Amino acid sequence: MHEILEKIARLIPSLPRAERRIAEALAENPEAIERMTLAQISKESGTSEASIVRFCRRLGYDGYTTLKEAFTVANHEEPDTVNTIGVQDNMAAILNKLYKNNLEVLSETLANKENKYEEALMALLQANSIHFFAAGDAYVAAKLSYIKFKRIGVACSAEEDIMLQMIAASNLTKNDVAVAVSYDGRSRNVVEAMKIAKQRGATTISITRRDNSPLLEYTDIRLLVSANDLTVGRDKVTRRISDQFILEALYLGYESRLGRGCKEHIKATQQAIDYNKI
């Protein structure tokens, strides 16, 4: 099954919107395809049956039935030890697989031509303040980005507490930017915070994988990322790589555009930080 899912993942950035939603639905729950009919897949992905057939043919299958058969066969095979990490791998093998997987994830993210990186950067540059919203391990990426922007004197926030996130969102204006980081775009507090931010008139930017998630209903600028499953289960260990990659690029773009002003802030904050070093 891993080989089929890898092929789908490689195609996602270049797919038409309807077919991309089909691909994401299958990638999200590949085991379910064995028991789902064409009509059920259509309902699950919110697309037409004709779009599903076109997607199947794009993958090299005659139609949904043959794709379903391929998934069924692959689902009962042994895990692909070449591309996944298992008990048989020593540390050298794990490091090599992780390195290759990270490169693939970043390449797939860059291949998405719909991502409006310049538009996102301009929104940040024009904002009075920047506010990050995330939950779980996504919050780590958001917090790190917050620290970087804070060091160059940008008014920003990255609240971890849900109540404080809602308070931050409710105080935004049309001159502010809200940035969400959510792998599946379904974290309730993140979606709600972005909904509030959108209602307040703030520009909203979302870094997420799914093109049909609730989060995107309240998103002005979407930055879609890729992530591959490197384990035998469904734990996406590489999903934060793309998030941090995009956030780092936006920060570097911001810093380079502001030039000398940023350098002075960095020098001042570094002097303050050095006080805490032994």
C-alpha atoms as a PDB file:
ATOM      1  CA  MET A   1       0.000   0.000   0.000  1.00  0.00           C
ATOM      2  CA  HIS A   2       2.891   2.318   0.763  1.00  0.00           C
ATOM      3  CA  GLU A   3       3.879   2.445  -2.914  1.00  0.00           C
ATOM      4  CA  ILE A   4       0.358   3.485  -3.987  1.00  0.00           C
ATOM      5  CA  LEU A   5       0.181   6.149  -1.282  1.00  0.00           C
ATOM      6  CA  GLU A   6       3.605   7.480  -2.272  1.00  0.00           C
ATOM      7  CA  LYS A   7       2.429   7.808  -5.866  1.00  0.00           C
ATOM      8  CA  ILE A   8      -0.692   9.653  -4.721  1.00  0.00           C
ATOM      9  CA  ALA A   9       1.404  11.959  -2.506  1.00  0.00           C
ATOM     10  CA  ARG A  10       3.690  12.843  -5.420  1.00  0.00           C
ATOM     11  CA  LEU A  11       0.699  13.720  -7.597  1.00  0.00           C
ATOM     12  CA  ILE A  12      -1.210  15.832  -5.069  1.00  0.00           C
ATOM     13  CA  PRO A  13       0.531  19.185  -5.737  1.00  0.00           C
ATOM     14  CA  SER A  14      -0.241  19.021  -9.480  1.00  0.00           C
ATOM     15  CA  LEU A  15      -3.793  17.639  -9.301  1.00  0.00           C
ATOM     16  CA  PRO A  16      -6.929  19.644 -10.142  1.00  0.00           C
ATOM     17  CA  ARG A  17      -8.786  20.663  -6.979  1.00  0.00           C
ATOM     18  CA  ALA A  18     -11.475  17.948  -7.155  1.00  0.00           C
ATOM     19  CA  GLU A  19      -8.948  15.167  -7.725  1.00  0.00           C
ATOM     20  CA  ARG A  20      -6.735  16.541  -4.968  1.00  0.00           C
ATOM     21  CA  ARG A  21      -9.622  16.206  -2.523  1.00  0.00           C
ATOM     22  CA  ILE A  22     -10.051  12.584  -3.603  1.00  0.00           C
ATOM     23  CA  ALA A  23      -6.339  11.919  -3.138  1.00  0.00           C
ATOM     24  CA  GLU A  24      -6.360  13.478   0.324  1.00  0.00           C
ATOM     25  CA  ALA A  25      -9.410  11.464   1.379  1.00  0.00           C
ATOM     26  CA  LEU A  26      -7.716   8.214   0.315  1.00  0.00           C
ATOM     27  CA  ALA A  27      -4.405   9.161   1.919  1.00  0.00           C
ATOM     28  CA  GLU A  28      -6.146  10.087   5.163  1.00  0.00           C
ATOM     29  CA  ASN A  29      -7.879   6.713   5.530  1.00  0.00           C
ATOM     30  CA  PRO A  30      -6.417   4.175   3.060  1.00  0.00           C
ATOM     31  CA  GLU A  31      -7.685   1.137   4.972  1.00  0.00           C
ATOM     32  CA  ALA A  32     -11.304   2.217   4.447  1.00  0.00           C
ATOM     33  CA  ILE A  33     -11.217   1.918   0.659  1.00  0.00           C
ATOM     34  CA  GLU A  34     -11.721  -1.870   0.905  1.00  0.00           C
ATOM     35  CA  ARG A  35     -15.241  -1.427   2.271  1.00  0.00           C
ATOM     36  CA  MET A  36     -16.287   1.828   0.582  1.00  0.00           C
ATOM     37  CA  THR A  37     -18.289   2.053  -2.625  1.00  0.00           C
ATOM     38  CA  LEU A  38     -17.758   4.622  -5.356  1.00  0.00           C
ATOM     39  CA  ALA A  39     -20.746   6.580  -4.041  1.00  0.00           C
ATOM     40  CA  GLN A  40     -19.332   6.561  -0.504  1.00  0.00           C
ATOM     41  CA  ILE A  41     -15.932   7.818  -1.672  1.00  0.00           C
ATOM     42  CA  SER A  42     -17.750  10.515  -3.632  1.00  0.00           C
ATOM     43  CA  LYS A  43     -19.600  11.635  -0.503  1.00  0.00           C
ATOM     44  CA  GLU A  44     -16.502  11.423   1.702  1.00  0.00           C
ATOM     45  CA  SER A  45     -14.392  13.566  -0.626  1.00  0.00           C
ATOM     46  CA  GLY A  46     -17.195  15.890  -1.693  1.00  0.00           C
ATOM     47  CA  THR A  47     -16.544  15.218  -5.379  1.00  0.00           C
ATOM     48  CA  SER A  48     -18.385  13.619  -8.290  1.00  0.00           C
ATOM     49  CA  GLU A  49     -18.067   9.962  -9.255  1.00  0.00           C
ATOM     50  CA  ALA A  50     -16.745  11.080 -12.650  1.00  0.00           C
ATOM     51  CA  SER A  51     -13.884  12.923 -10.922  1.00  0.00           C
ATOM     52  CA  ILE A  52     -13.008   9.765  -8.989  1.00  0.00           C
ATOM     53  CA  VAL A  53     -12.860   7.718 -12.189  1.00  0.00           C
ATOM     54  CA  ARG A  54     -10.594  10.343 -13.790  1.00  0.00           C
ATOM     55  CA  PHE A  55      -8.361  10.242 -10.731  1.00  0.00           C
ATOM     56  CA  CYS A  56      -8.135   6.435 -10.882  1.00  0.00           C
ATOM     57  CA  ARG A  57      -7.138   6.585 -14.540  1.00  0.00           C
ATOM     58  CA  ARG A  58      -4.506   9.193 -13.759  1.00  0.00           C
ATOM     59  CA  LEU A  59      -2.993   6.664 -11.350  1.00  0.00           C
ATOM     60  CA  GLY A  60      -2.940   4.058 -14.124  1.00  0.00           C
ATOM     61  CA  TYR A  61      -6.074   2.075 -13.231  1.00  0.00           C
ATOM     62  CA  ASP A  62      -9.119   1.429 -15.410  1.00  0.00           C
ATOM     63  CA  GLY A  63     -11.477   2.753 -12.771  1.00  0.00           C
ATOM     64  CA  TYR A  64     -12.421   2.686  -9.112  1.00  0.00           C
ATOM     65  CA  THR A  65     -12.874  -1.093  -8.992  1.00  0.00           C
ATOM     66  CA  THR A  66      -9.307  -1.822 -10.121  1.00  0.00           C
ATOM     67  CA  LEU A  67      -7.894   0.818  -7.773  1.00  0.00           C
ATOM     68  CA  LYS A  68      -9.865  -0.728  -4.923  1.00  0.00           C
ATOM     69  CA  GLU A  69      -8.491  -4.169  -5.800  1.00  0.00           C
ATOM     70  CA  ALA A  70      -4.937  -2.791  -5.797  1.00  0.00           C
ATOM     71  CA  PHE A  71      -5.480  -1.238  -2.358  1.00  0.00           C
ATOM     72  CA  THR A  72      -6.939  -4.503  -1.053  1.00  0.00           C
ATOM     73  CA  VAL A  73      -3.971  -6.547  -2.244  1.00  0.00           C
ATOM     74  CA  ALA A  74      -1.442  -4.015  -0.955  1.00  0.00           C
ATOM     75  CA  ASN A  75      -3.207  -3.745   2.396  1.00  0.00           C
ATOM     76  CA  HIS A  76      -2.577  -7.422   3.099  1.00  0.00           C
ATOM     77  CA  GLU A  77       1.071  -7.402   2.089  1.00  0.00           C
ATOM     78  CA  GLU A  78       3.965  -7.147   4.512  1.00  0.00           C
ATOM     79  CA  PRO A  79       5.058  -3.573   5.347  1.00  0.00           C
ATOM     80  CA  ASP A  80       7.506  -2.042   2.889  1.00  0.00           C
ATOM     81  CA  THR A  81      10.777  -2.217   4.821  1.00  0.00           C
ATOM     82  CA  VAL A  82      12.638  -0.279   2.138  1.00  0.00           C
ATOM     83  CA  ASN A  83      10.692   2.942   2.673  1.00  0.00           C
ATOM     84  CA  THR A  84       9.491   2.612   6.266  1.00  0.00           C
ATOM     85  CA  ILE A  85      11.332   2.401   9.567  1.00  0.00           C
ATOM     86  CA  GLY A  86      11.062  -0.881  11.421  1.00  0.00           C
ATOM     87  CA  VAL A  87      12.689  -2.955  14.125  1.00  0.00           C
ATOM     88  CA  GLN A  88      15.197  -4.302  11.596  1.00  0.00           C
ATOM     89  CA  ASP A  89      16.776  -0.871  11.035  1.00  0.00           C
ATOM     90  CA  ASN A  90      19.930   0.263  12.809  1.00  0.00           C
ATOM     91  CA  MET A  91      20.583   3.955  13.446  1.00  0.00           C
ATOM     92  CA  ALA A  92      22.509   4.417  10.196  1.00  0.00           C
ATOM     93  CA  ALA A  93      19.538   3.097   8.208  1.00  0.00           C
ATOM     94  CA  ILE A  94      17.070   5.241  10.166  1.00  0.00           C
ATOM     95  CA  LEU A  95      19.120   8.393   9.601  1.00  0.00           C
ATOM     96  CA  ASN A  96      19.436   7.653   5.884  1.00  0.00           C
ATOM     97  CA  LYS A  97      15.694   7.002   5.467  1.00  0.00           C
ATOM     98  CA  LEU A  98      14.792  10.095   7.461  1.00  0.00           C
ATOM     99  CA  TYR A  99      17.153  12.236   5.376  1.00  0.00           C
ATOM    100  CA  LYS A 100      15.708  10.984   2.086  1.00  0.00           C
ATOM    101  CA  ASN A 101      12.148  11.303   3.334  1.00  0.00           C
ATOM    102  CA  ASN A 102      12.668  14.885   4.474  1.00  0.00           C
ATOM    103  CA  LEU A 103      14.093  15.811   1.075  1.00  0.00           C
ATOM    104  CA  GLU A 104      11.074  14.254  -0.627  1.00  0.00           C
ATOM    105  CA  VAL A 105       8.636  16.058   1.655  1.00  0.00           C
ATOM    106  CA  LEU A 106      10.265  19.433   0.987  1.00  0.00           C
ATOM    107  CA  SER A 107      10.400  18.786  -2.763  1.00  0.00           C
ATOM    108  CA  GLU A 108       6.687  17.948  -2.826  1.00  0.00           C
ATOM    109  CA  THR A 109       5.867  21.065  -0.825  1.00  0.00           C
ATOM    110  CA  LEU A 110       7.844  23.268  -3.222  1.00  0.00           C
ATOM    111  CA  ALA A 111       6.165  21.590  -6.199  1.00  0.00           C
ATOM    112  CA  ASN A 112       2.791  23.022  -5.178  1.00  0.00           C
ATOM    113  CA  LYS A 113       2.501  25.993  -7.530  1.00  0.00           C
ATOM    114  CA  GLU A 114      -0.695  27.248  -5.870  1.00  0.00           C
ATOM    115  CA  ASN A 115       1.122  28.347  -2.713  1.00  0.00           C
ATOM    116  CA  LYS A 116       1.266  32.150  -2.575  1.00  0.00           C
ATOM    117  CA  TYR A 117       4.527  32.666  -0.682  1.00  0.00           C
ATOM    118  CA  GLU A 118       5.093  36.252  -1.871  1.00  0.00           C
ATOM    119  CA  GLU A 119       1.525  37.173  -0.981  1.00  0.00           C
ATOM    120  CA  ALA A 120       2.010  35.722   2.507  1.00  0.00           C
ATOM    121  CA  LEU A 121       5.281  37.603   2.979  1.00  0.00           C
ATOM    122  CA  MET A 122       3.756  40.913   1.867  1.00  0.00           C
ATOM    123  CA  ALA A 123       0.877  40.429   4.306  1.00  0.00           C
ATOM    124  CA  LEU A 124       3.361  39.926   7.147  1.00  0.00           C
ATOM    125  CA  LEU A 125       5.433  42.951   6.127  1.00  0.00           C
ATOM    126  CA  GLN A 126       2.362  45.196   6.071  1.00  0.00           C
ATOM    127  CA  ALA A 127       0.919  43.935   9.368  1.00  0.00           C
ATOM    128  CA  ASN A 128       0.894  45.906  12.601  1.00  0.00           C
ATOM    129  CA  SER A 129       1.173  42.618  14.474  1.00  0.00           C
ATOM    130  CA  ILE A 130       1.459  38.884  13.749  1.00  0.00           C
ATOM    131  CA  HIS A 131      -0.309  36.191  15.774  1.00  0.00           C
ATOM    132  CA  PHE A 132       0.346  32.441  15.563  1.00  0.00           C
ATOM    133  CA  PHE A 133      -2.291  29.802  16.313  1.00  0.00           C
ATOM    134  CA  ALA A 134      -1.508  26.088  16.687  1.00  0.00           C
ATOM    135  CA  ALA A 135      -2.083  23.063  18.918  1.00  0.00           C
ATOM    136  CA  GLY A 136      -0.113  19.973  19.904  1.00  0.00           C
ATOM    137  CA  ASP A 137       3.240  19.483  18.217  1.00  0.00           C
ATOM    138  CA  ALA A 138       2.331  22.148  15.646  1.00  0.00           C
ATOM    139  CA  TYR A 139       2.575  24.669  18.467  1.00  0.00           C
ATOM    140  CA  VAL A 140       6.304  23.953  18.736  1.00  0.00           C
ATOM    141  CA  ALA A 141       6.831  25.146  15.154  1.00  0.00           C
ATOM    142  CA  ALA A 142       4.610  28.179  15.737  1.00  0.00           C
ATOM    143  CA  LYS A 143       6.376  29.077  18.988  1.00  0.00           C
ATOM    144  CA  LEU A 144       9.809  28.912  17.381  1.00  0.00           C
ATOM    145  CA  SER A 145       8.660  31.224  14.605  1.00  0.00           C
ATOM    146  CA  TYR A 146       7.170  33.590  17.186  1.00  0.00           C
ATOM    147  CA  ILE A 147      10.527  33.774  18.994  1.00  0.00           C
ATOM    148  CA  LYS A 148      12.343  34.653  15.768  1.00  0.00           C
ATOM    149  CA  PHE A 149       9.928  37.449  14.886  1.00  0.00           C
ATOM    150  CA  LYS A 150       9.972  38.707  18.475  1.00  0.00           C
ATOM    151  CA  ARG A 151      13.760  39.019  18.381  1.00  0.00           C
ATOM    152  CA  ILE A 152      13.608  41.448  15.468  1.00  0.00           C
ATOM    153  CA  GLY A 153      11.099  43.690  17.209  1.00  0.00           C
ATOM    154  CA  VAL A 154       7.854  42.492  15.630  1.00  0.00           C
ATOM    155  CA  ALA A 155       4.702  42.790  17.728  1.00  0.00           C
ATOM    156  CA  CYS A 156       3.474  39.199  17.846  1.00  0.00           C
ATOM    157  CA  SER A 157       1.978  36.439  19.982  1.00  0.00           C
ATOM    158  CA  ALA A 158       1.769  32.652  20.125  1.00  0.00           C
ATOM    159  CA  GLU A 159      -0.520  31.701  22.988  1.00  0.00           C
ATOM    160  CA  GLU A 160      -0.642  28.037  23.997  1.00  0.00           C
ATOM    161  CA  ASP A 161      -3.671  28.327  26.266  1.00  0.00           C
ATOM    162  CA  ILE A 162      -6.933  27.964  24.313  1.00  0.00           C
ATOM    163  CA  MET A 163      -8.692  30.795  26.141  1.00  0.00           C
ATOM    164  CA  LEU A 164      -5.772  33.148  25.509  1.00  0.00           C
ATOM    165  CA  GLN A 165      -5.811  32.182  21.834  1.00  0.00           C
ATOM    166  CA  MET A 166      -9.447  33.257  21.595  1.00  0.00           C
ATOM    167  CA  ILE A 167      -8.675  36.515  23.404  1.00  0.00           C
ATOM    168  CA  ALA A 168      -5.774  37.225  21.043  1.00  0.00           C
ATOM    169  CA  ALA A 169      -7.931  36.502  17.989  1.00  0.00           C
ATOM    170  CA  SER A 170     -10.790  38.684  19.234  1.00  0.00           C
ATOM    171  CA  ASN A 171      -8.472  41.683  19.556  1.00  0.00           C
ATOM    172  CA  LEU A 172      -7.175  41.575  15.984  1.00  0.00           C
ATOM    173  CA  THR A 173      -7.967  44.245  13.408  1.00  0.00           C
ATOM    174  CA  LYS A 174      -7.773  44.589   9.633  1.00  0.00           C
ATOM    175  CA  ASN A 175      -4.155  45.686  10.090  1.00  0.00           C
ATOM    176  CA  ASP A 176      -3.077  42.408  11.725  1.00  0.00           C
ATOM    177  CA  VAL A 177      -2.201  38.928  10.452  1.00  0.00           C
ATOM    178  CA  ALA A 178      -3.186  35.560  11.938  1.00  0.00           C
ATOM    179  CA  VAL A 179      -1.051  32.534  11.029  1.00  0.00           C
ATOM    180  CA  ALA A 180      -2.391  29.019  11.672  1.00  0.00           C
ATOM    181  CA  VAL A 181      -0.288  25.859  11.676  1.00  0.00           C
ATOM    182  CA  SER A 182      -2.387  22.684  11.554  1.00  0.00           C
ATOM    183  CA  TYR A 183      -1.491  19.459   9.736  1.00  0.00           C
ATOM    184  CA  ASP A 184      -5.051  18.311   9.032  1.00  0.00           C
ATOM    185  CA  GLY A 185      -6.763  21.684   9.456  1.00  0.00           C
ATOM    186  CA  ARG A 186      -9.250  20.259  11.953  1.00  0.00           C
ATOM    187  CA  SER A 187      -7.944  21.351  15.372  1.00  0.00           C
ATOM    188  CA  ARG A 188     -11.054  22.868  16.922  1.00  0.00           C
ATOM    189  CA  ASN A 189      -9.397  25.722  18.820  1.00  0.00           C
ATOM    190  CA  VAL A 190      -7.207  26.688  15.848  1.00  0.00           C
ATOM    191  CA  VAL A 191     -10.166  26.735  13.460  1.00  0.00           C
ATOM    192  CA  GLU A 192     -12.222  28.772  15.936  1.00  0.00           C
ATOM    193  CA  ALA A 193      -9.390  31.260  16.492  1.00  0.00           C
ATOM    194  CA  MET A 194      -8.992  31.763  12.750  1.00  0.00           C
ATOM    195  CA  LYS A 195     -12.747  32.166  12.369  1.00  0.00           C
ATOM    196  CA  ILE A 196     -12.690  34.954  14.946  1.00  0.00           C
ATOM    197  CA  ALA A 197      -9.624  36.538  13.328  1.00  0.00           C
ATOM    198  CA  LYS A 198     -11.335  36.474   9.945  1.00  0.00           C
ATOM    199  CA  GLN A 199     -14.473  38.059  11.393  1.00  0.00           C
ATOM    200  CA  ARG A 200     -12.342  40.801  12.917  1.00  0.00           C
ATOM    201  CA  GLY A 201     -10.962  41.629   9.475  1.00  0.00           C
ATOM    202  CA  ALA A 202      -7.436  40.295   9.971  1.00  0.00           C
ATOM    203  CA  THR A 203      -5.573  38.685   7.082  1.00  0.00           C
ATOM    204  CA  THR A 204      -5.434  34.929   7.704  1.00  0.00           C
ATOM    205  CA  ILE A 205      -2.646  32.593   6.575  1.00  0.00           C
ATOM    206  CA  SER A 206      -2.841  28.813   7.061  1.00  0.00           C
ATOM    207  CA  ILE A 207      -0.070  26.238   6.784  1.00  0.00           C
ATOM    208  CA  THR A 208      -1.811  22.892   6.401  1.00  0.00           C
ATOM    209  CA  ARG A 209      -1.927  19.697   4.353  1.00  0.00           C
ATOM    210  CA  ARG A 210      -5.597  19.308   3.519  1.00  0.00           C
ATOM    211  CA  ASP A 211      -7.139  21.337   0.724  1.00  0.00           C
ATOM    212  CA  ASN A 212     -10.714  20.747   1.926  1.00  0.00           C
ATOM    213  CA  SER A 213     -10.405  21.242   5.682  1.00  0.00           C
ATOM    214  CA  PRO A 214     -12.588  23.443   7.918  1.00  0.00           C
ATOM    215  CA  LEU A 215      -9.569  25.675   8.565  1.00  0.00           C
ATOM    216  CA  LEU A 216      -9.437  26.830   4.960  1.00  0.00           C
ATOM    217  CA  GLU A 217     -12.960  28.258   5.201  1.00  0.00           C
ATOM    218  CA  TYR A 218     -11.415  31.103   7.198  1.00  0.00           C
ATOM    219  CA  THR A 219      -8.146  31.393   5.284  1.00  0.00           C
ATOM    220  CA  ASP A 220      -7.139  34.184   2.915  1.00  0.00           C
ATOM    221  CA  ILE A 221      -3.740  32.757   1.981  1.00  0.00           C
ATOM    222  CA  ARG A 222      -3.253  28.984   1.998  1.00  0.00           C
ATOM    223  CA  LEU A 223       0.185  27.363   2.087  1.00  0.00           C
ATOM    224  CA  LEU A 224      -0.238  23.616   1.556  1.00  0.00           C
ATOM    225  CA  VAL A 225       2.466  21.239   2.753  1.00  0.00           C
ATOM    226  CA  SER A 226       3.385  17.597   2.222  1.00  0.00           C
ATOM    227  CA  ALA A 227       4.159  14.823   4.717  1.00  0.00           C
ATOM    228  CA  ASN A 228       5.040  11.156   4.249  1.00  0.00           C
ATOM    229  CA  ASP A 229       4.494   8.238   6.613  1.00  0.00           C
ATOM    230  CA  LEU A 230       7.893   6.872   7.619  1.00  0.00           C
ATOM    231  CA  THR A 231       6.590   4.362  10.161  1.00  0.00           C
ATOM    232  CA  VAL A 232       4.598   1.161   9.843  1.00  0.00           C
ATOM    233  CA  GLY A 233       1.677   2.912  11.520  1.00  0.00           C
ATOM    234  CA  ARG A 234       0.128   6.265  10.561  1.00  0.00           C
ATOM    235  CA  ASP A 235       2.312   8.566  12.636  1.00  0.00           C
ATOM    236  CA  LYS A 236       3.500  11.303  10.284  1.00  0.00           C
ATOM    237  CA  VAL A 237       6.928  11.870  11.829  1.00  0.00           C
ATOM    238  CA  THR A 238       7.960  14.318   9.094  1.00  0.00           C
ATOM    239  CA  ARG A 239       4.893  16.537   9.130  1.00  0.00           C
ATOM    240  CA  ARG A 240       6.572  19.386  11.042  1.00  0.00           C
ATOM    241  CA  ILE A 241       9.461  19.578   8.559  1.00  0.00           C
ATOM    242  CA  SER A 242       7.400  21.382   5.922  1.00  0.00           C
ATOM    243  CA  ASP A 243       5.758  23.641   8.507  1.00  0.00           C
ATOM    244  CA  GLN A 244       9.090  24.819   9.864  1.00  0.00           C
ATOM    245  CA  PHE A 245      10.520  25.108   6.348  1.00  0.00           C
ATOM    246  CA  ILE A 246       7.800  27.559   5.287  1.00  0.00           C
ATOM    247  CA  LEU A 247       7.849  29.514   8.554  1.00  0.00           C
ATOM    248  CA  GLU A 248      11.627  29.857   8.373  1.00  0.00           C
ATOM    249  CA  ALA A 249      11.434  31.053   4.762  1.00  0.00           C
ATOM    250  CA  LEU A 250       8.823  33.671   5.673  1.00  0.00           C
ATOM    251  CA  TYR A 251      10.973  34.884   8.553  1.00  0.00           C
ATOM    252  CA  LEU A 252      14.094  35.134   6.393  1.00  0.00           C
ATOM    253  CA  GLY A 253      12.125  36.971   3.717  1.00  0.00           C
ATOM    254  CA  TYR A 254      10.785  39.377   6.335  1.00  0.00           C
ATOM    255  CA  GLU A 255      14.220  39.994   7.817  1.00  0.00           C
ATOM    256  CA  SER A 256      15.887  40.543   4.444  1.00  0.00           C
ATOM    257  CA  ARG A 257      13.236  43.045   3.305  1.00  0.00           C
ATOM    258  CA  LEU A 258      13.569  45.151   6.457  1.00  0.00           C
ATOM    259  CA  GLY A 259      17.366  45.090   6.337  1.00  0.00           C
ATOM    260  CA  ARG A 260      19.235  47.310   8.774  1.00  0.00           C
ATOM    261  CA  GLY A 261      16.340  47.762  11.168  1.00  0.00           C
ATOM    262  CA  CYS A 262      16.255  44.013  11.811  1.00  0.00           C
ATOM    263  CA  LYS A 263      20.019  43.846  12.325  1.00  0.00           C
ATOM    264  CA  GLU A 264      19.835  46.507  15.038  1.00  0.00           C
ATOM    265  CA  HIS A 265      17.068  44.603  16.837  1.00  0.00           C
ATOM    266  CA  ILE A 266      19.015  41.341  16.580  1.00  0.00           C
ATOM    267  CA  LYS A 267      22.122  43.007  18.027  1.00  0.00           C
ATOM    268  CA  ALA A 268      20.175  44.497  20.921  1.00  0.00           C
ATOM    269  CA  THR A 269      18.347  41.271  21.784  1.00  0.00           C
ATOM    270  CA  GLN A 270      21.555  39.244  21.502  1.00  0.00           C
ATOM    271  CA  GLN A 271      23.254  41.528  24.010  1.00  0.00           C
ATOM    272  CA  ALA A 272      20.329  41.046  26.385  1.00  0.00           C
ATOM    273  CA  ILE A 273      20.405  37.264  25.927  1.00  0.00           C
ATOM    274  CA  ASP A 274      24.171  37.094  26.474  1.00  0.00           C
ATOM    275  CA  TYR A 275      23.614  38.342  30.020  1.00  0.00           C
ATOM    276  CA  ASN A 276      22.128  34.941  30.852  1.00  0.00           C
ATOM    277  CA  LYS A 277      25.135  32.988  29.590  1.00  0.00           C
ATOM    278  CA  ILE A 278      27.883  31.715  31.868  1.00  0.00           C
END
